[in-house]
Amino acid sequence: MSAASTVPQVPAPIVVVMGVSGSGKSTLTEALAARLGWATRDGDDLHPAANLDKIRRGEALTDADRAPWLAAVRQWIDDRCAENTPCLLACSALKRTYRDGLRAGRPGLRFIWLTGDRPTLHRRLAERTGHFAGPGGLDGQLATLEHPAPEEGAVAIDIALPTEVQVEQVLAALGLSRPTTP
């Protein structure tokens, strides 16, 4: 047996950027991916068509609606874990049970929680174009959101900050160094 095979493999980091619609999950995830060069996915892309239809109509999703979506999210994470690939995922993860399910058996997983006030979130949703989620579903998401408890270790980031400042705060909070460029 070689010395390399006796060293336990450290799991690759998994960072889930969470929050309600309009909080900037996709934007921050993309900015972090550009900085770190990690695999990335927008959890919205994993929703079944029926969920997207409900969201477009401004209807709140139920736990039953979210179950197949969360299974797809977990599968995407597990595929990255199997490859030991660091990854970033934009995912609302509104309830603790959802976060616990994502975290279970994935020791490298951390949450970044984008926080902001309702007027800012509503304005962002009203102004964005080309996205299936509009301002009609915001109140339902805010009602569903269970703020991460301290023991969850989520890193709270204010959505009022510029994206680059958010990136620096995330990197500092997670102890991630900025890759050097040649």
N, C-alpha and C. Protein backbone atom coordinates (compact mmCIF):
# COMPACT_ATOMS: atom_id res chain seq x y z
N MET A 1 0.85 -1.18 0.00
CA MET A 1 0.00 0.00 0.00
C MET A 1 0.89 1.23 0.00
N SER A 2 0.62 2.17 -0.87
CA SER A 2 1.42 3.38 -0.94
C SER A 2 1.01 4.35 0.16
N ALA A 3 1.93 5.28 0.47
CA ALA A 3 1.64 6.28 1.50
C ALA A 3 0.46 7.14 1.10
N ALA A 4 0.34 7.43 -0.19
CA ALA A 4 -0.76 8.29 -0.65
C ALA A 4 -2.11 7.64 -0.39
N SER A 5 -2.19 6.31 -0.49
CA SER A 5 -3.48 5.66 -0.32
C SER A 5 -3.91 5.56 1.14
N THR A 6 -2.99 5.80 2.08
CA THR A 6 -3.33 5.74 3.50
C THR A 6 -3.82 7.08 4.04
N VAL A 7 -3.65 8.13 3.27
CA VAL A 7 -4.08 9.45 3.71
C VAL A 7 -5.56 9.62 3.38
N PRO A 8 -6.40 9.89 4.38
CA PRO A 8 -7.82 10.07 4.08
C PRO A 8 -8.03 11.28 3.17
N GLN A 9 -8.94 11.12 2.22
CA GLN A 9 -9.22 12.21 1.30
C GLN A 9 -10.13 13.23 1.98
N VAL A 10 -9.74 14.49 1.91
CA VAL A 10 -10.56 15.57 2.45
C VAL A 10 -11.64 15.88 1.43
N PRO A 11 -12.90 15.93 1.87
CA PRO A 11 -13.96 16.20 0.89
C PRO A 11 -13.82 17.60 0.29
N ALA A 12 -14.11 17.68 -1.00
CA ALA A 12 -14.08 18.97 -1.67
C ALA A 12 -15.16 19.87 -1.09
N PRO A 13 -14.89 21.18 -1.05
CA PRO A 13 -15.90 22.09 -0.52
C PRO A 13 -17.14 22.14 -1.42
N ILE A 14 -18.28 22.26 -0.75
CA ILE A 14 -19.57 22.44 -1.41
C ILE A 14 -20.18 23.68 -0.79
N VAL A 15 -20.45 24.69 -1.60
CA VAL A 15 -21.02 25.93 -1.09
C VAL A 15 -22.38 26.15 -1.73
N VAL A 16 -23.40 26.24 -0.89
CA VAL A 16 -24.76 26.50 -1.34
C VAL A 16 -25.10 27.94 -0.99
N VAL A 17 -25.39 28.74 -2.03
CA VAL A 17 -25.81 30.13 -1.83
C VAL A 17 -27.33 30.11 -1.77
N MET A 18 -27.86 30.45 -0.60
CA MET A 18 -29.30 30.31 -0.35
C MET A 18 -29.96 31.66 -0.10
N GLY A 19 -31.29 31.66 -0.25
CA GLY A 19 -32.08 32.85 0.01
C GLY A 19 -33.33 32.83 -0.85
N VAL A 20 -34.18 33.79 -0.63
CA VAL A 20 -35.43 33.89 -1.38
C VAL A 20 -35.16 34.41 -2.79
N SER A 21 -36.17 34.35 -3.63
CA SER A 21 -36.06 34.88 -4.99
C SER A 21 -35.70 36.36 -4.93
N GLY A 22 -34.81 36.75 -5.82
CA GLY A 22 -34.42 38.15 -5.90
C GLY A 22 -33.27 38.53 -4.99
N SER A 23 -32.76 37.58 -4.22
CA SER A 23 -31.69 37.90 -3.28
C SER A 23 -30.32 37.96 -3.95
N GLY A 24 -30.21 37.44 -5.16
CA GLY A 24 -28.94 37.49 -5.88
C GLY A 24 -28.14 36.20 -5.81
N LYS A 25 -28.81 35.09 -5.57
CA LYS A 25 -28.13 33.80 -5.47
C LYS A 25 -27.34 33.47 -6.73
N SER A 26 -27.98 33.60 -7.87
CA SER A 26 -27.31 33.26 -9.14
C SER A 26 -26.13 34.18 -9.40
N THR A 27 -26.32 35.47 -9.16
CA THR A 27 -25.26 36.44 -9.39
C THR A 27 -24.05 36.15 -8.52
N LEU A 28 -24.27 35.92 -7.23
CA LEU A 28 -23.15 35.65 -6.34
C LEU A 28 -22.49 34.31 -6.68
N THR A 29 -23.29 33.30 -6.98
CA THR A 29 -22.73 32.00 -7.34
C THR A 29 -21.84 32.11 -8.57
N GLU A 30 -22.31 32.83 -9.59
CA GLU A 30 -21.52 33.01 -10.80
C GLU A 30 -20.24 33.79 -10.52
N ALA A 31 -20.31 34.82 -9.68
CA ALA A 31 -19.12 35.60 -9.34
C ALA A 31 -18.11 34.76 -8.56
N LEU A 32 -18.59 33.94 -7.64
CA LEU A 32 -17.70 33.05 -6.90
C LEU A 32 -17.06 32.02 -7.83
N ALA A 33 -17.85 31.48 -8.75
CA ALA A 33 -17.33 30.49 -9.70
C ALA A 33 -16.24 31.11 -10.58
N ALA A 34 -16.46 32.35 -11.01
CA ALA A 34 -15.46 33.03 -11.83
C ALA A 34 -14.16 33.22 -11.05
N ARG A 35 -14.28 33.50 -9.78
CA ARG A 35 -13.10 33.72 -8.94
C ARG A 35 -12.40 32.41 -8.61
N LEU A 36 -13.16 31.38 -8.29
CA LEU A 36 -12.58 30.13 -7.79
C LEU A 36 -12.36 29.07 -8.86
N GLY A 37 -13.09 29.18 -9.98
CA GLY A 37 -12.98 28.16 -11.02
C GLY A 37 -13.66 26.85 -10.67
N TRP A 38 -14.66 26.92 -9.79
CA TRP A 38 -15.36 25.71 -9.34
C TRP A 38 -16.54 25.39 -10.25
N ALA A 39 -16.98 24.14 -10.18
CA ALA A 39 -18.21 23.73 -10.86
C ALA A 39 -19.37 24.50 -10.24
N THR A 40 -20.35 24.85 -11.05
CA THR A 40 -21.49 25.61 -10.53
C THR A 40 -22.78 25.15 -11.19
N ARG A 41 -23.86 25.37 -10.47
CA ARG A 41 -25.19 25.03 -11.00
C ARG A 41 -26.21 25.94 -10.35
N ASP A 42 -27.19 26.35 -11.10
CA ASP A 42 -28.32 27.09 -10.55
C ASP A 42 -29.41 26.08 -10.25
N GLY A 43 -29.79 25.99 -8.99
CA GLY A 43 -30.82 25.04 -8.58
C GLY A 43 -32.13 25.22 -9.32
N ASP A 44 -32.41 26.43 -9.78
CA ASP A 44 -33.64 26.66 -10.54
C ASP A 44 -33.71 25.77 -11.78
N ASP A 45 -32.54 25.45 -12.35
CA ASP A 45 -32.50 24.63 -13.56
C ASP A 45 -32.91 23.18 -13.29
N LEU A 46 -33.00 22.80 -12.03
CA LEU A 46 -33.33 21.43 -11.66
C LEU A 46 -34.80 21.24 -11.29
N HIS A 47 -35.57 22.34 -11.31
CA HIS A 47 -37.00 22.25 -10.98
C HIS A 47 -37.77 21.50 -12.07
N PRO A 48 -38.71 20.65 -11.69
CA PRO A 48 -39.61 20.05 -12.68
C PRO A 48 -40.46 21.15 -13.34
N ALA A 49 -40.92 20.90 -14.54
CA ALA A 49 -41.72 21.88 -15.28
C ALA A 49 -42.95 22.32 -14.49
N ALA A 50 -43.59 21.41 -13.78
CA ALA A 50 -44.79 21.76 -13.01
C ALA A 50 -44.47 22.80 -11.94
N ASN A 51 -43.30 22.70 -11.32
CA ASN A 51 -42.91 23.70 -10.32
C ASN A 51 -42.72 25.06 -10.98
N LEU A 52 -42.06 25.08 -12.11
CA LEU A 52 -41.83 26.35 -12.80
C LEU A 52 -43.15 27.00 -13.18
N ASP A 53 -44.12 26.21 -13.61
CA ASP A 53 -45.44 26.75 -13.94
C ASP A 53 -46.09 27.40 -12.73
N LYS A 54 -46.02 26.73 -11.58
CA LYS A 54 -46.60 27.29 -10.35
C LYS A 54 -45.91 28.60 -9.97
N ILE A 55 -44.59 28.61 -10.06
CA ILE A 55 -43.83 29.80 -9.70
C ILE A 55 -44.19 30.96 -10.62
N ARG A 56 -44.32 30.67 -11.92
CA ARG A 56 -44.70 31.72 -12.88
C ARG A 56 -46.05 32.33 -12.53
N ARG A 57 -46.94 31.50 -11.98
CA ARG A 57 -48.27 31.99 -11.59
C ARG A 57 -48.25 32.67 -10.22
N GLY A 58 -47.10 32.71 -9.58
CA GLY A 58 -46.99 33.33 -8.26
C GLY A 58 -47.49 32.46 -7.13
N GLU A 59 -47.64 31.16 -7.39
CA GLU A 59 -48.11 30.23 -6.36
C GLU A 59 -46.93 29.69 -5.57
N ALA A 60 -47.12 29.56 -4.27
CA ALA A 60 -46.08 29.01 -3.41
C ALA A 60 -45.96 27.51 -3.64
N LEU A 61 -44.74 27.02 -3.67
CA LEU A 61 -44.52 25.58 -3.77
C LEU A 61 -44.72 24.94 -2.41
N THR A 62 -45.23 23.72 -2.42
CA THR A 62 -45.41 22.95 -1.19
C THR A 62 -44.18 22.06 -0.98
N ASP A 63 -44.11 21.45 0.19
CA ASP A 63 -43.03 20.49 0.43
C ASP A 63 -43.08 19.37 -0.59
N ALA A 64 -44.29 18.92 -0.93
CA ALA A 64 -44.44 17.86 -1.93
C ALA A 64 -43.93 18.31 -3.30
N ASP A 65 -44.19 19.58 -3.65
CA ASP A 65 -43.67 20.13 -4.91
C ASP A 65 -42.15 20.14 -4.92
N ARG A 66 -41.58 20.49 -3.78
CA ARG A 66 -40.13 20.65 -3.69
C ARG A 66 -39.38 19.33 -3.59
N ALA A 67 -40.05 18.25 -3.20
CA ALA A 67 -39.36 16.97 -2.97
C ALA A 67 -38.56 16.48 -4.19
N PRO A 68 -39.14 16.42 -5.40
CA PRO A 68 -38.34 15.94 -6.53
C PRO A 68 -37.22 16.92 -6.90
N TRP A 69 -37.46 18.19 -6.69
CA TRP A 69 -36.43 19.19 -6.95
C TRP A 69 -35.26 19.01 -5.99
N LEU A 70 -35.56 18.86 -4.71
CA LEU A 70 -34.49 18.67 -3.73
C LEU A 70 -33.73 17.38 -3.99
N ALA A 71 -34.42 16.34 -4.46
CA ALA A 71 -33.74 15.09 -4.82
C ALA A 71 -32.76 15.33 -5.97
N ALA A 72 -33.17 16.12 -6.95
CA ALA A 72 -32.29 16.44 -8.08
C ALA A 72 -31.10 17.28 -7.62
N VAL A 73 -31.34 18.21 -6.70
CA VAL A 73 -30.26 19.04 -6.16
C VAL A 73 -29.26 18.15 -5.42
N ARG A 74 -29.77 17.26 -4.57
CA ARG A 74 -28.87 16.35 -3.84
C ARG A 74 -28.07 15.47 -4.81
N GLN A 75 -28.72 15.01 -5.87
CA GLN A 75 -28.01 14.18 -6.84
C GLN A 75 -26.89 14.96 -7.52
N TRP A 76 -27.16 16.21 -7.87
CA TRP A 76 -26.11 17.03 -8.50
C TRP A 76 -24.93 17.19 -7.54
N ILE A 77 -25.22 17.47 -6.27
CA ILE A 77 -24.15 17.60 -5.28
C ILE A 77 -23.39 16.28 -5.15
N ASP A 78 -24.12 15.17 -5.05
CA ASP A 78 -23.48 13.87 -4.89
C ASP A 78 -22.59 13.52 -6.08
N ASP A 79 -23.01 13.91 -7.27
CA ASP A 79 -22.17 13.67 -8.45
C ASP A 79 -20.86 14.44 -8.34
N ARG A 80 -20.91 15.67 -7.85
CA ARG A 80 -19.68 16.45 -7.64
C ARG A 80 -18.83 15.82 -6.53
N CYS A 81 -19.49 15.35 -5.47
CA CYS A 81 -18.76 14.70 -4.36
C CYS A 81 -18.05 13.45 -4.85
N ALA A 82 -18.71 12.67 -5.69
CA ALA A 82 -18.10 11.44 -6.22
C ALA A 82 -16.83 11.75 -7.01
N GLU A 83 -16.81 12.92 -7.63
CA GLU A 83 -15.64 13.36 -8.40
C GLU A 83 -14.66 14.12 -7.52
N ASN A 84 -15.04 14.38 -6.26
CA ASN A 84 -14.29 15.24 -5.33
C ASN A 84 -14.02 16.60 -5.96
N THR A 85 -15.06 17.15 -6.58
CA THR A 85 -14.99 18.43 -7.28
C THR A 85 -15.59 19.53 -6.42
N PRO A 86 -14.83 20.59 -6.11
CA PRO A 86 -15.43 21.72 -5.39
C PRO A 86 -16.57 22.30 -6.22
N CYS A 87 -17.65 22.69 -5.55
CA CYS A 87 -18.79 23.19 -6.32
C CYS A 87 -19.57 24.26 -5.58
N LEU A 88 -20.29 25.03 -6.37
CA LEU A 88 -21.16 26.11 -5.91
C LEU A 88 -22.54 25.86 -6.47
N LEU A 89 -23.55 26.09 -5.62
CA LEU A 89 -24.92 25.86 -6.04
C LEU A 89 -25.79 27.01 -5.55
N ALA A 90 -26.55 27.61 -6.46
CA ALA A 90 -27.58 28.59 -6.08
C ALA A 90 -28.85 27.80 -5.80
N CYS A 91 -29.36 27.91 -4.58
CA CYS A 91 -30.51 27.09 -4.17
C CYS A 91 -31.22 27.79 -3.03
N SER A 92 -32.52 27.96 -3.13
CA SER A 92 -33.24 28.71 -2.10
C SER A 92 -33.08 28.10 -0.71
N ALA A 93 -33.17 26.78 -0.57
CA ALA A 93 -32.98 26.09 0.71
C ALA A 93 -33.70 26.82 1.85
N LEU A 94 -34.97 27.09 1.66
CA LEU A 94 -35.72 27.96 2.57
C LEU A 94 -35.97 27.38 3.95
N LYS A 95 -36.12 26.07 4.04
CA LYS A 95 -36.44 25.46 5.33
C LYS A 95 -35.24 24.69 5.88
N ARG A 96 -35.19 24.62 7.20
CA ARG A 96 -34.10 23.88 7.83
C ARG A 96 -34.11 22.41 7.38
N THR A 97 -35.27 21.83 7.25
CA THR A 97 -35.30 20.42 6.83
C THR A 97 -34.67 20.25 5.45
N TYR A 98 -34.86 21.24 4.56
CA TYR A 98 -34.24 21.18 3.24
C TYR A 98 -32.72 21.26 3.39
N ARG A 99 -32.27 22.21 4.22
CA ARG A 99 -30.83 22.37 4.43
C ARG A 99 -30.21 21.14 5.08
N ASP A 100 -30.92 20.59 6.08
CA ASP A 100 -30.42 19.38 6.73
C ASP A 100 -30.30 18.23 5.73
N GLY A 101 -31.27 18.12 4.83
CA GLY A 101 -31.23 17.08 3.80
C GLY A 101 -30.06 17.27 2.84
N LEU A 102 -29.76 18.52 2.51
CA LEU A 102 -28.63 18.79 1.63
C LEU A 102 -27.31 18.52 2.35
N ARG A 103 -27.26 18.82 3.62
CA ARG A 103 -26.04 18.70 4.42
C ARG A 103 -25.73 17.25 4.80
N ALA A 104 -26.74 16.41 4.94
CA ALA A 104 -26.58 15.04 5.44
C ALA A 104 -25.59 14.24 4.59
N GLY A 105 -24.56 13.73 5.24
CA GLY A 105 -23.57 12.91 4.56
C GLY A 105 -22.64 13.68 3.65
N ARG A 106 -22.66 14.98 3.73
CA ARG A 106 -21.82 15.83 2.87
C ARG A 106 -21.04 16.78 3.77
N PRO A 107 -19.95 16.30 4.38
CA PRO A 107 -19.25 17.09 5.41
C PRO A 107 -18.62 18.38 4.90
N GLY A 108 -18.40 18.50 3.62
CA GLY A 108 -17.79 19.73 3.10
C GLY A 108 -18.79 20.82 2.76
N LEU A 109 -20.08 20.61 3.04
CA LEU A 109 -21.12 21.56 2.60
C LEU A 109 -21.28 22.72 3.58
N ARG A 110 -21.30 23.93 3.01
CA ARG A 110 -21.53 25.15 3.78
C ARG A 110 -22.60 25.99 3.09
N PHE A 111 -23.34 26.77 3.88
CA PHE A 111 -24.38 27.64 3.35
C PHE A 111 -23.97 29.10 3.46
N ILE A 112 -24.23 29.84 2.38
CA ILE A 112 -24.13 31.30 2.37
C ILE A 112 -25.56 31.79 2.27
N TRP A 113 -25.99 32.60 3.22
CA TRP A 113 -27.38 33.06 3.29
C TRP A 113 -27.45 34.53 2.91
N LEU A 114 -28.08 34.80 1.77
CA LEU A 114 -28.26 36.18 1.31
C LEU A 114 -29.49 36.78 1.99
N THR A 115 -29.26 37.86 2.71
CA THR A 115 -30.32 38.49 3.49
C THR A 115 -30.60 39.89 2.99
N GLY A 116 -31.87 40.27 3.04
CA GLY A 116 -32.26 41.62 2.63
C GLY A 116 -33.69 41.90 3.01
N ASP A 117 -34.07 43.15 2.88
CA ASP A 117 -35.42 43.54 3.27
C ASP A 117 -36.40 43.33 2.11
N ARG A 118 -37.67 43.23 2.45
CA ARG A 118 -38.71 42.96 1.47
C ARG A 118 -38.76 44.01 0.35
N PRO A 119 -38.71 45.33 0.67
CA PRO A 119 -38.77 46.30 -0.42
C PRO A 119 -37.64 46.12 -1.46
N THR A 120 -36.45 45.83 -1.00
CA THR A 120 -35.33 45.63 -1.92
C THR A 120 -35.56 44.38 -2.76
N LEU A 121 -35.97 43.31 -2.12
CA LEU A 121 -36.25 42.06 -2.85
C LEU A 121 -37.36 42.26 -3.88
N HIS A 122 -38.44 42.93 -3.48
CA HIS A 122 -39.57 43.18 -4.39
C HIS A 122 -39.12 44.01 -5.59
N ARG A 123 -38.34 45.06 -5.33
CA ARG A 123 -37.85 45.91 -6.42
C ARG A 123 -37.01 45.09 -7.40
N ARG A 124 -36.12 44.27 -6.87
CA ARG A 124 -35.27 43.45 -7.74
C ARG A 124 -36.09 42.51 -8.60
N LEU A 125 -37.09 41.88 -8.00
CA LEU A 125 -37.93 40.95 -8.76
C LEU A 125 -38.74 41.68 -9.82
N ALA A 126 -39.23 42.88 -9.50
CA ALA A 126 -40.02 43.65 -10.46
C ALA A 126 -39.17 44.13 -11.63
N GLU A 127 -37.88 44.38 -11.36
CA GLU A 127 -37.00 44.93 -12.39
C GLU A 127 -36.36 43.87 -13.29
N ARG A 128 -36.27 42.64 -12.82
CA ARG A 128 -35.54 41.66 -13.63
C ARG A 128 -36.43 41.13 -14.75
N THR A 129 -35.78 40.81 -15.85
CA THR A 129 -36.48 40.30 -17.02
C THR A 129 -35.93 38.92 -17.37
N GLY A 130 -36.74 38.14 -18.05
CA GLY A 130 -36.30 36.85 -18.53
C GLY A 130 -36.19 35.78 -17.46
N HIS A 131 -36.81 35.98 -16.32
CA HIS A 131 -36.78 34.98 -15.26
C HIS A 131 -38.21 34.58 -14.93
N PHE A 132 -38.40 33.31 -14.60
CA PHE A 132 -39.76 32.81 -14.35
C PHE A 132 -40.36 33.30 -13.04
N ALA A 133 -39.55 33.71 -12.07
CA ALA A 133 -40.08 34.12 -10.77
C ALA A 133 -40.21 35.64 -10.72
N GLY A 134 -41.42 36.11 -10.53
CA GLY A 134 -41.67 37.53 -10.40
C GLY A 134 -41.97 37.89 -8.95
N PRO A 135 -42.37 39.13 -8.72
CA PRO A 135 -42.63 39.57 -7.35
C PRO A 135 -43.84 38.92 -6.71
N GLY A 136 -44.72 38.29 -7.49
CA GLY A 136 -45.94 37.70 -6.94
C GLY A 136 -45.70 36.59 -5.93
N GLY A 137 -44.59 35.90 -6.03
CA GLY A 137 -44.31 34.80 -5.11
C GLY A 137 -43.44 35.16 -3.92
N LEU A 138 -43.03 36.43 -3.84
CA LEU A 138 -42.09 36.82 -2.78
C LEU A 138 -42.64 36.61 -1.39
N ASP A 139 -43.87 37.04 -1.14
CA ASP A 139 -44.42 36.91 0.21
C ASP A 139 -44.51 35.45 0.64
N GLY A 140 -44.84 34.56 -0.28
CA GLY A 140 -44.87 33.14 0.03
C GLY A 140 -43.49 32.61 0.40
N GLN A 141 -42.48 33.07 -0.33
CA GLN A 141 -41.11 32.64 -0.02
C GLN A 141 -40.67 33.18 1.34
N LEU A 142 -40.98 34.44 1.59
CA LEU A 142 -40.60 35.02 2.89
C LEU A 142 -41.30 34.31 4.04
N ALA A 143 -42.55 33.90 3.81
CA ALA A 143 -43.29 33.17 4.86
C ALA A 143 -42.70 31.77 5.07
N THR A 144 -42.20 31.17 4.01
CA THR A 144 -41.62 29.82 4.10
C THR A 144 -40.22 29.84 4.70
N LEU A 145 -39.48 30.92 4.47
CA LEU A 145 -38.09 30.99 4.92
C LEU A 145 -37.96 30.79 6.42
N GLU A 146 -37.14 29.83 6.80
CA GLU A 146 -36.74 29.63 8.19
C GLU A 146 -35.29 30.09 8.29
N HIS A 147 -35.09 31.18 9.00
CA HIS A 147 -33.74 31.73 9.12
C HIS A 147 -32.80 30.66 9.67
N PRO A 148 -31.62 30.52 9.08
CA PRO A 148 -30.68 29.52 9.61
C PRO A 148 -30.34 29.80 11.07
N ALA A 149 -30.36 28.74 11.86
CA ALA A 149 -30.00 28.84 13.28
C ALA A 149 -28.48 28.92 13.40
N PRO A 150 -27.98 29.51 14.49
CA PRO A 150 -26.53 29.64 14.65
C PRO A 150 -25.76 28.32 14.48
N GLU A 151 -26.32 27.23 14.99
CA GLU A 151 -25.61 25.96 14.90
C GLU A 151 -25.50 25.42 13.47
N GLU A 152 -26.24 26.02 12.53
CA GLU A 152 -26.13 25.60 11.14
C GLU A 152 -24.86 26.15 10.49
N GLY A 153 -24.29 27.18 11.07
CA GLY A 153 -23.05 27.72 10.54
C GLY A 153 -23.17 28.46 9.23
N ALA A 154 -24.38 28.90 8.88
CA ALA A 154 -24.56 29.66 7.64
C ALA A 154 -23.89 31.03 7.77
N VAL A 155 -23.32 31.49 6.68
CA VAL A 155 -22.68 32.80 6.64
C VAL A 155 -23.69 33.78 6.03
N ALA A 156 -24.11 34.77 6.81
CA ALA A 156 -25.09 35.76 6.34
C ALA A 156 -24.37 36.87 5.57
N ILE A 157 -24.89 37.18 4.39
CA ILE A 157 -24.34 38.23 3.54
C ILE A 157 -25.47 39.18 3.16
N ASP A 158 -25.24 40.47 3.32
CA ASP A 158 -26.24 41.50 3.04
C ASP A 158 -26.34 41.73 1.53
N ILE A 159 -27.56 41.64 1.00
CA ILE A 159 -27.75 41.81 -0.44
C ILE A 159 -27.54 43.25 -0.90
N ALA A 160 -27.51 44.20 0.03
CA ALA A 160 -27.29 45.60 -0.34
C ALA A 160 -25.84 45.86 -0.73
N LEU A 161 -24.94 44.96 -0.39
CA LEU A 161 -23.53 45.13 -0.71
C LEU A 161 -23.27 44.83 -2.18
N PRO A 162 -22.28 45.50 -2.77
CA PRO A 162 -21.90 45.16 -4.15
C PRO A 162 -21.43 43.70 -4.23
N THR A 163 -21.64 43.08 -5.37
CA THR A 163 -21.30 41.67 -5.54
C THR A 163 -19.85 41.40 -5.19
N GLU A 164 -18.92 42.25 -5.61
CA GLU A 164 -17.50 42.01 -5.33
C GLU A 164 -17.23 42.01 -3.83
N VAL A 165 -17.91 42.86 -3.09
CA VAL A 165 -17.75 42.87 -1.62
C VAL A 165 -18.32 41.58 -1.04
N GLN A 166 -19.46 41.15 -1.56
CA GLN A 166 -20.04 39.88 -1.12
C GLN A 166 -19.05 38.73 -1.35
N VAL A 167 -18.43 38.71 -2.53
CA VAL A 167 -17.46 37.66 -2.85
C VAL A 167 -16.33 37.66 -1.83
N GLU A 168 -15.78 38.83 -1.55
CA GLU A 168 -14.67 38.92 -0.59
C GLU A 168 -15.11 38.45 0.80
N GLN A 169 -16.33 38.80 1.20
CA GLN A 169 -16.83 38.36 2.51
C GLN A 169 -16.98 36.84 2.56
N VAL A 170 -17.49 36.26 1.49
CA VAL A 170 -17.64 34.80 1.44
C VAL A 170 -16.28 34.12 1.51
N LEU A 171 -15.34 34.58 0.70
CA LEU A 171 -14.01 33.97 0.70
C LEU A 171 -13.37 34.06 2.08
N ALA A 172 -13.50 35.21 2.72
CA ALA A 172 -12.92 35.38 4.06
C ALA A 172 -13.61 34.47 5.07
N ALA A 173 -14.94 34.43 5.03
CA ALA A 173 -15.70 33.64 6.01
C ALA A 173 -15.42 32.14 5.87
N LEU A 174 -15.19 31.69 4.66
CA LEU A 174 -14.96 30.27 4.43
C LEU A 174 -13.48 29.90 4.44
N GLY A 175 -12.62 30.90 4.61
CA GLY A 175 -11.19 30.62 4.65
C GLY A 175 -10.64 30.19 3.30
N LEU A 176 -11.22 30.71 2.25
CA LEU A 176 -10.78 30.36 0.89
C LEU A 176 -9.87 31.45 0.36
N SER A 177 -8.76 31.05 -0.17
CA SER A 177 -7.84 32.04 -0.70
C SER A 177 -8.16 32.32 -2.16
N ARG A 178 -7.81 33.49 -2.57
CA ARG A 178 -8.02 33.88 -3.97
C ARG A 178 -6.96 33.20 -4.82
N PRO A 179 -7.37 32.50 -5.87
CA PRO A 179 -6.38 31.86 -6.73
C PRO A 179 -5.45 32.89 -7.36
N THR A 180 -4.22 32.54 -7.48
CA THR A 180 -3.26 33.45 -8.10
C THR A 180 -3.33 33.29 -9.61
N THR A 181 -3.02 34.36 -10.31
CA THR A 181 -3.00 34.31 -11.77
C THR A 181 -1.56 34.42 -12.23
N PRO A 182 -1.21 33.76 -13.31
CA PRO A 182 0.19 33.79 -13.79
C PRO A 182 0.59 35.15 -14.29
